[in-house]
Protein backbone atom coordinates (compact mmCIF):
# COMPACT_ATOMS: atom_id res chain seq x y z
CA MET A 1 -9.74 1.00 -21.06
CA SER A 2 -6.23 1.75 -19.85
CA ILE A 3 -5.73 3.09 -16.31
CA HIS A 4 -2.31 4.52 -15.56
CA SER A 5 -0.37 5.07 -12.33
CA PHE A 6 -1.72 7.78 -10.07
CA HIS A 7 0.62 10.72 -9.48
CA PRO A 8 -0.89 13.34 -7.16
CA PRO A 9 0.22 16.98 -7.26
CA GLN A 10 2.40 18.43 -4.55
CA ARG A 11 -0.12 20.27 -2.35
CA THR A 12 0.44 22.36 0.74
CA LEU A 13 -2.06 20.96 3.23
CA MET A 14 -3.34 23.68 5.56
CA GLY A 15 -6.80 22.33 6.25
CA PRO A 16 -8.10 20.35 9.22
CA GLY A 17 -6.11 17.27 8.21
CA PRO A 18 -4.37 15.37 6.86
CA SER A 19 -1.32 17.57 7.21
CA ASP A 20 1.84 17.70 5.10
CA VAL A 21 4.00 14.61 5.60
CA SER A 22 7.75 14.92 6.05
CA PRO A 23 9.86 13.42 3.24
CA ARG A 24 11.54 11.31 5.93
CA VAL A 25 8.20 9.77 6.84
CA LEU A 26 7.33 9.10 3.19
CA GLU A 27 10.74 7.52 2.69
CA ALA A 28 10.17 5.30 5.70
CA MET A 29 7.02 3.91 4.08
CA ALA A 30 9.04 2.82 1.05
CA ARG A 31 11.34 0.56 3.08
CA PRO A 32 11.10 -3.22 2.53
CA THR A 33 8.00 -4.86 3.96
CA ILE A 34 8.73 -7.56 6.50
CA GLY A 35 6.39 -9.85 8.41
CA HIS A 36 4.27 -8.40 11.20
CA LEU A 37 5.59 -11.15 13.54
CA ASP A 38 9.22 -10.75 12.43
CA PRO A 39 11.41 -10.26 15.54
CA LEU A 40 12.86 -7.07 14.05
CA PHE A 41 9.36 -5.68 13.47
CA VAL A 42 8.34 -6.63 17.01
CA SER A 43 11.36 -4.72 18.29
CA MET A 44 10.24 -1.67 16.27
CA MET A 45 6.73 -2.02 17.76
CA ASP A 46 8.26 -1.66 21.23
CA GLU A 47 9.98 1.54 20.10
CA VAL A 48 6.70 2.88 18.73
CA LYS A 49 5.08 2.22 22.10
CA THR A 50 7.89 4.07 23.94
CA LEU A 51 7.72 7.00 21.54
CA LEU A 52 3.93 7.19 21.92
CA GLN A 53 4.30 7.19 25.71
CA TYR A 54 6.55 10.21 25.30
CA ALA A 55 4.13 11.97 22.97
CA PHE A 56 1.21 11.35 25.35
CA GLN A 57 3.38 12.03 28.43
CA THR A 58 2.34 8.78 30.05
CA ARG A 59 3.74 5.57 31.48
CA ASN A 60 0.55 3.66 30.68
CA ASN A 61 1.52 0.13 29.63
CA LEU A 62 -1.45 -0.02 27.28
CA THR A 63 -0.26 2.65 24.83
CA MET A 64 -0.30 1.69 21.16
CA PRO A 65 -1.56 2.61 17.68
CA VAL A 66 -4.87 1.07 16.57
CA SER A 67 -4.56 -0.20 13.00
CA ALA A 68 -7.19 2.18 11.67
CA PRO A 69 -7.92 5.95 11.64
CA GLY A 70 -8.81 8.16 14.60
CA SER A 71 -12.49 7.22 14.42
CA ALA A 72 -11.49 3.65 15.27
CA GLY A 73 -9.50 4.98 18.20
CA MET A 74 -12.68 6.63 19.40
CA GLU A 75 -14.59 3.40 19.00
CA THR A 76 -11.84 1.45 20.77
CA ALA A 77 -12.28 3.63 23.86
CA PHE A 78 -16.05 3.31 23.96
CA VAL A 79 -16.60 -0.34 23.04
CA ASN A 80 -14.07 -1.48 25.64
CA LEU A 81 -15.20 0.74 28.52
CA VAL A 82 -18.95 1.09 27.96
CA GLU A 83 -21.51 -1.70 28.35
CA PRO A 84 -25.23 -1.98 27.75
CA GLY A 85 -27.15 -0.12 30.45
CA ASP A 86 -24.29 2.20 31.41
CA ARG A 87 -24.80 5.94 31.57
CA VAL A 88 -22.15 8.25 30.10
CA ILE A 89 -21.98 12.04 30.18
CA VAL A 90 -20.98 13.28 26.73
CA CYS A 91 -19.88 16.86 26.18
CA GLN A 92 -20.61 18.29 22.76
CA ASN A 93 -19.32 21.60 21.43
CA GLY A 94 -18.81 20.50 17.82
CA VAL A 95 -19.02 17.58 15.43
CA PHE A 96 -16.94 15.09 17.31
CA GLY A 97 -18.84 15.27 20.58
CA GLY A 98 -21.80 14.13 18.48
CA ARG A 99 -19.81 11.14 17.28
CA MET A 100 -19.05 10.26 20.90
CA LYS A 101 -22.80 10.22 21.53
CA GLU A 102 -23.26 7.82 18.61
CA ASN A 103 -20.64 5.49 20.04
CA VAL A 104 -22.22 5.48 23.51
CA GLU A 105 -25.63 4.68 22.13
CA ARG A 106 -24.33 1.93 19.81
CA CYS A 107 -22.83 0.31 22.90
CA GLY A 108 -26.35 0.09 24.34
CA ALA A 109 -25.69 2.80 26.90
CA GLU A 110 -27.40 6.11 27.65
CA ALA A 111 -25.71 9.35 26.61
CA ILE A 112 -26.39 12.27 28.94
CA MET A 113 -25.55 15.35 26.89
CA VAL A 114 -23.83 18.55 28.01
CA ILE A 115 -24.17 21.01 25.14
CA ASP A 116 -22.09 24.12 24.46
CA ASP A 117 -22.10 26.43 21.45
CA TRP A 118 -19.77 25.61 18.61
CA GLY A 119 -16.61 27.68 19.03
CA LYS A 120 -16.90 27.67 22.81
CA PRO A 121 -15.03 25.33 25.17
CA VAL A 122 -16.82 22.72 27.23
CA ASP A 123 -18.19 24.53 30.31
CA PRO A 124 -16.91 22.86 33.51
CA ASP A 125 -19.87 24.26 35.51
CA LYS A 126 -22.35 22.52 33.20
CA VAL A 127 -20.35 19.30 33.48
CA GLU A 128 -20.31 19.47 37.28
CA THR A 129 -24.06 20.07 37.32
CA ALA A 130 -24.60 17.02 35.11
CA LEU A 131 -22.36 14.86 37.28
CA LYS A 132 -24.20 15.87 40.43
CA ALA A 133 -27.58 15.24 38.80
CA ASN A 134 -26.53 11.79 37.57
CA PRO A 135 -24.75 9.91 40.35
CA GLY A 136 -23.19 6.64 39.33
CA VAL A 137 -22.41 7.46 35.70
CA LYS A 138 -19.77 5.19 34.21
CA ALA A 139 -17.75 7.84 32.39
CA MET A 140 -17.56 11.42 31.17
CA ALA A 141 -16.32 12.01 27.60
CA PHE A 142 -15.18 15.20 25.89
CA VAL A 143 -13.10 16.49 23.00
CA HIS A 144 -9.89 18.18 24.10
CA ALA A 145 -9.29 19.87 20.73
CA GLU A 146 -12.48 20.11 18.65
CA THR A 147 -11.45 19.75 15.01
CA SER A 148 -14.68 21.21 13.67
CA THR A 149 -14.18 24.55 15.44
CA GLY A 150 -10.53 24.88 16.47
CA THR A 151 -11.51 25.09 20.13
CA ARG A 152 -9.55 23.76 23.11
CA SER A 153 -11.28 22.71 26.31
CA ASP A 154 -9.72 22.57 29.79
CA ALA A 155 -8.88 18.88 29.96
CA GLU A 156 -7.19 18.95 33.35
CA THR A 157 -10.23 20.56 35.04
CA LEU A 158 -12.76 18.32 33.29
CA VAL A 159 -10.89 15.13 34.21
CA LYS A 160 -10.73 16.22 37.87
CA LEU A 161 -14.51 16.72 37.83
CA ALA A 162 -15.06 13.26 36.40
CA HIS A 163 -12.86 11.63 39.04
CA ALA A 164 -14.48 13.61 41.85
CA HIS A 165 -17.69 11.78 40.90
CA ASP A 166 -15.98 8.38 40.41
CA ALA A 167 -16.42 8.48 36.63
CA LEU A 168 -13.84 7.52 34.02
CA ALA A 169 -12.55 10.31 31.78
CA ILE A 170 -12.49 9.56 28.02
CA VAL A 171 -10.69 12.16 25.92
CA ASP A 172 -10.50 12.87 22.18
CA ALA A 173 -7.03 14.26 21.41
CA VAL A 174 -7.06 13.74 17.65
CA THR A 175 -6.04 17.32 16.89
CA SER A 176 -4.04 18.11 20.06
CA LEU A 177 -1.43 15.33 20.23
CA GLY A 178 1.92 16.86 19.28
CA GLY A 179 0.51 20.35 18.78
CA SER A 180 -0.78 21.53 22.18
CA PRO A 181 0.15 20.74 25.76
CA LEU A 182 -1.27 17.31 26.61
CA LYS A 183 -0.25 15.43 29.76
CA VAL A 184 -2.03 12.11 30.17
CA ASP A 185 -0.49 11.08 33.48
CA ALA A 186 -0.33 14.53 35.11
CA TRP A 187 -3.99 15.08 34.25
CA ALA A 188 -4.93 11.45 35.14
CA ILE A 189 -6.78 10.78 31.87
CA ASP A 190 -8.24 7.27 31.79
CA ALA A 191 -8.66 6.71 28.06
CA ILE A 192 -7.41 8.85 25.21
CA TYR A 193 -7.18 8.51 21.46
CA SER A 194 -5.67 10.50 18.61
CA GLY A 195 -4.86 10.24 14.89
CA SER A 196 -1.65 9.89 12.93
CA GLN A 197 -2.49 12.50 10.30
CA LYS A 198 -2.72 15.73 12.29
CA CYS A 199 0.11 17.24 14.32
CA LEU A 200 2.19 14.05 14.17
CA SER A 201 2.34 14.60 10.37
CA CYS A 202 2.21 10.90 9.63
CA VAL A 203 0.10 9.42 6.85
CA PRO A 204 -3.54 8.76 7.73
CA GLY A 205 -4.63 5.37 8.91
CA LEU A 206 -3.45 4.88 12.51
CA SER A 207 -4.95 5.92 15.83
CA PRO A 208 -2.65 6.18 18.87
CA VAL A 209 -4.48 5.27 22.12
CA SER A 210 -3.59 5.02 25.78
CA PHE A 211 -5.47 3.52 28.72
CA SER A 212 -4.83 3.94 32.45
CA GLU A 213 -4.68 1.07 34.90
CA ARG A 214 -8.11 2.12 36.18
CA ALA A 215 -9.49 1.82 32.66
CA LEU A 216 -7.82 -1.58 32.23
CA GLU A 217 -9.47 -2.81 35.44
CA THR A 218 -12.83 -1.68 34.05
CA ILE A 219 -12.18 -3.74 30.90
CA ARG A 220 -11.09 -6.80 32.93
CA THR A 221 -14.29 -6.75 35.01
CA ARG A 222 -16.77 -6.30 32.16
CA LYS A 223 -19.97 -8.29 32.42
CA SER A 224 -20.39 -8.66 28.65
CA LYS A 225 -18.12 -9.28 25.67
CA VAL A 226 -16.73 -6.27 23.83
CA GLN A 227 -19.08 -5.84 20.88
CA SER A 228 -16.22 -5.45 18.38
CA TRP A 229 -13.91 -8.41 17.90
CA PHE A 230 -11.30 -6.37 16.05
CA LEU A 231 -11.14 -3.58 18.67
CA ASP A 232 -11.34 -5.83 21.76
CA LEU A 233 -8.28 -4.77 23.73
CA SER A 234 -8.10 -8.03 25.63
CA LEU A 235 -7.33 -9.66 22.27
CA VAL A 236 -5.26 -6.88 20.71
CA MET A 237 -2.89 -6.84 23.67
CA GLY A 238 -1.81 -10.34 22.82
CA TYR A 239 -0.14 -8.71 19.82
CA TRP A 240 0.80 -5.28 21.23
CA GLY A 241 1.74 -6.49 24.74
CA GLY A 242 5.30 -6.70 25.99
CA GLY A 243 7.81 -9.45 25.36
CA ALA A 244 9.22 -10.98 22.21
CA LYS A 245 6.44 -13.54 21.68
CA ARG A 246 3.29 -12.00 20.19
CA ALA A 247 -0.01 -13.70 19.48
CA TYR A 248 -1.39 -13.21 15.99
CA HIS A 249 -4.42 -10.90 16.02
CA HIS A 250 -4.38 -9.16 12.65
CA THR A 251 -1.87 -8.33 9.95
CA ALA A 252 -0.57 -4.99 11.07
CA PRO A 253 -0.10 -2.21 8.48
CA VAL A 254 3.66 -2.75 8.43
CA ASN A 255 4.80 0.12 6.23
CA THR A 256 2.35 2.57 7.81
CA LEU A 257 3.85 1.71 11.19
CA TYR A 258 7.31 2.43 9.77
CA ALA A 259 5.93 5.88 8.94
CA LEU A 260 4.53 6.42 12.44
CA HIS A 261 7.84 5.35 13.94
CA GLU A 262 9.68 7.92 11.84
CA ALA A 263 7.16 10.66 12.61
CA LEU A 264 7.52 10.01 16.33
CA VAL A 265 11.33 10.01 16.04
CA LEU A 266 11.03 13.46 14.45
CA LEU A 267 8.89 14.62 17.37
CA GLN A 268 11.35 13.14 19.87
CA ASP A 269 14.28 14.86 18.17
CA GLU A 270 12.54 18.23 18.10
CA GLY A 271 11.33 17.87 21.69
CA LEU A 272 7.67 17.95 22.69
CA GLU A 273 7.78 21.36 24.34
CA ASN A 274 9.59 22.78 21.30
CA ALA A 275 6.85 21.39 19.02
CA TRP A 276 4.17 23.00 21.17
CA ALA A 277 6.07 26.33 21.04
CA ARG A 278 6.54 26.09 17.25
CA HIS A 279 2.82 25.62 16.71
CA ASP A 280 2.05 28.62 18.89
CA ARG A 281 4.63 30.91 17.25
CA ASN A 282 3.45 30.19 13.73
CA HIS A 283 -0.16 30.64 14.87
CA GLN A 284 0.70 34.06 16.25
CA ALA A 285 2.22 35.07 12.89
CA LEU A 286 -0.76 33.77 10.95
CA LYS A 287 -3.13 35.53 13.34
CA ALA A 288 -1.29 38.82 12.94
CA GLY A 289 -1.46 38.61 9.16
CA LEU A 290 -5.12 37.60 9.00
CA GLU A 291 -6.20 40.26 11.45
CA ALA A 292 -4.23 42.91 9.56
CA MET A 293 -6.23 41.91 6.47
CA GLY A 294 -9.43 42.32 8.47
CA ILE A 295 -10.25 38.65 8.85
CA ARG A 296 -11.67 37.85 12.29
CA PHE A 297 -11.24 34.76 14.47
CA VAL A 298 -14.31 32.99 15.83
CA VAL A 299 -12.92 31.38 18.99
CA ASP A 300 -11.93 33.47 22.02
CA GLU A 301 -8.14 33.81 22.18
CA GLU A 302 -7.79 31.83 25.42
CA TRP A 303 -9.39 28.72 23.85
CA ARG A 304 -8.01 28.85 20.32
CA LEU A 305 -6.05 25.92 18.95
CA PRO A 306 -2.82 27.20 17.37
CA GLN A 307 -2.88 24.27 14.98
CA LEU A 308 -6.43 24.87 13.69
CA ASN A 309 -7.59 28.44 13.08
CA LEU A 310 -11.32 29.10 12.65
CA VAL A 311 -11.83 32.43 10.87
CA THR A 312 -14.83 34.24 9.38
CA VAL A 313 -15.31 34.57 5.63
CA PRO A 314 -15.41 38.26 4.56
CA GLU A 315 -18.89 39.54 3.79
CA GLY A 316 -20.13 38.85 0.28
CA VAL A 317 -17.44 36.25 -0.51
CA ASP A 318 -18.19 32.77 -1.83
CA GLU A 319 -16.01 30.76 0.53
CA ALA A 320 -16.03 27.62 -1.63
CA ALA A 321 -14.89 29.60 -4.69
CA VAL A 322 -11.98 30.98 -2.70
CA ARG A 323 -10.93 27.50 -1.55
CA ASN A 324 -11.18 26.17 -5.09
CA ARG A 325 -9.03 29.05 -6.39
CA LEU A 326 -6.40 28.43 -3.69
CA LEU A 327 -6.34 24.73 -4.55
CA ASN A 328 -6.20 25.13 -8.32
CA ASP A 329 -3.95 28.19 -8.59
CA TYR A 330 -1.69 27.77 -5.55
CA ASN A 331 -1.92 24.03 -4.69
CA LEU A 332 -2.97 25.20 -1.22
CA GLU A 333 -5.69 23.44 0.75
CA ILE A 334 -7.65 25.10 3.54
CA GLY A 335 -10.83 23.69 5.12
CA SER A 336 -14.47 24.67 5.08
CA GLY A 337 -16.83 25.01 8.01
CA LEU A 338 -19.00 22.14 9.20
CA GLY A 339 -22.60 22.01 10.43
CA ALA A 340 -24.05 25.39 11.33
CA LEU A 341 -20.72 27.01 10.39
CA ALA A 342 -20.75 25.75 6.79
CA GLY A 343 -20.30 28.59 4.31
CA LYS A 344 -19.41 31.07 7.08
CA VAL A 345 -15.88 30.14 8.12
CA TRP A 346 -12.58 28.66 6.99
CA ARG A 347 -10.47 26.26 9.00
CA ILE A 348 -6.76 26.97 8.42
CA GLY A 349 -4.50 24.26 9.76
CA LEU A 350 -0.95 24.64 11.01
CA MET A 351 -0.17 21.07 11.88
CA GLY A 352 3.12 19.24 12.25
CA HIS A 353 5.36 19.42 9.18
CA ALA A 354 3.10 22.10 7.64
CA CYS A 355 3.54 24.39 10.63
CA LYS A 356 6.41 26.60 9.46
CA PRO A 357 6.96 30.26 8.52
CA GLN A 358 7.18 29.52 4.79
CA ASN A 359 3.65 28.13 4.79
CA VAL A 360 2.27 30.94 6.93
CA LEU A 361 3.64 33.58 4.58
CA ASN A 362 2.64 31.73 1.42
CA CYS A 363 -0.88 31.19 2.78
CA LEU A 364 -1.28 34.85 3.65
CA ALA A 365 -0.01 35.97 0.23
CA ALA A 366 -2.21 33.51 -1.67
CA LEU A 367 -5.31 34.29 0.37
CA GLU A 368 -4.82 38.04 0.01
CA ALA A 369 -4.35 37.79 -3.76
CA THR A 370 -7.37 35.54 -4.11
CA LEU A 371 -9.64 37.70 -1.98
CA TYR A 372 -8.47 40.80 -3.84
CA GLY A 373 -9.49 39.08 -7.08
CA PHE A 374 -12.95 38.45 -5.61
CA LYS A 375 -13.19 42.13 -4.58
CA ALA A 376 -13.45 41.18 -0.92
CA PRO A 377 -13.51 43.97 1.69
CA ILE A 378 -9.99 43.43 3.04
CA GLU A 379 -6.87 45.50 3.69
CA THR A 380 -4.16 44.69 1.16
CA GLY A 381 -0.40 44.96 1.43
CA VAL A 382 -0.27 44.59 5.19
CA ALA A 383 -0.59 40.89 6.05
CA ILE A 384 2.96 39.75 5.26
CA GLU A 385 4.53 42.65 7.16
CA ALA A 386 2.36 41.95 10.21
CA ALA A 387 3.38 38.27 10.21
CA GLN A 388 7.05 39.09 9.73
CA ARG A 389 6.96 41.36 12.77
CA VAL A 390 6.02 38.31 14.85
CA TYR A 391 8.99 36.46 13.39
CA GLY A 392 11.24 39.42 14.15
CA HIS A 393 12.00 40.24 10.49
């Protein structure tokens, strides 16, 4: 047997993540590896922290990337803040609210569920009712940008409700960081986590997190040990804390952190508000083209994520066959539906480096040609013109 080097094709990634990675970020990964306690690397870590504080719009001292994907960021929030016997209100309007429930229960706590339909935002009235019915809950957790449905919830309102009932607010921002308005300090979010591979357009494998001083006090006054040694923030902060001297905790993914640093420099140089506006503008062009074809959106316009578009599959079309054709003939990846939406919808991502007019127009052209080949009931010859009108062409 002789196994050769792996050389992947050049895809255009317009699914739910990972997103396309900038050549600058890929180049950063190829730089020489140095030690994770090297003074120069420690200095770069401080810059990563500052850049993440900008991205999250926070001054939280405990702001850092967990050395693992977004799911580990989720677990970091729960295992540090939730103890056996606690009660936590968990809002579920898609897949990832369900994962929050799993985390709560694995911490030995009770998850009190607030359920909304997939494709709908978390209902603040239901949350308030649950908070009033369950005085003394430790926290309230929700997904700001639900990746499974492309739905945004009103984070500012939900956090206010949690605090009005003396509960911590734990927020999943895996798909919103860098793509939609997100203001950790202004909204007083207590614990938040994200992923490197969505709108930051970094390689997968890191999870930016941030914790408020109130959350830190909760961790300091725990009655029991954090159940995960690796994710115990009281230990991790010996490495990610301030100052030149760092305590060894784990061997950090050095080159992956180079990549995150570069991705965050790109975000800084573009400007956060400009990045939010770019995601929205390209979404509007994609929306115009898809609707001109006759493809409908699932989520109400007010709550749609510009970076993740949930659209219905035309009647009589094999959605998996379309995705396969796009991948094989056009090197274009779009996502399928999950759960009850499987087989009924596509998830078309416009995240980070992939969020640009060229990709919008290429996606519309490839999708139209593919659907025409499958004899789908769509309007042809109109999508590109509709998108170009949004761009002013």
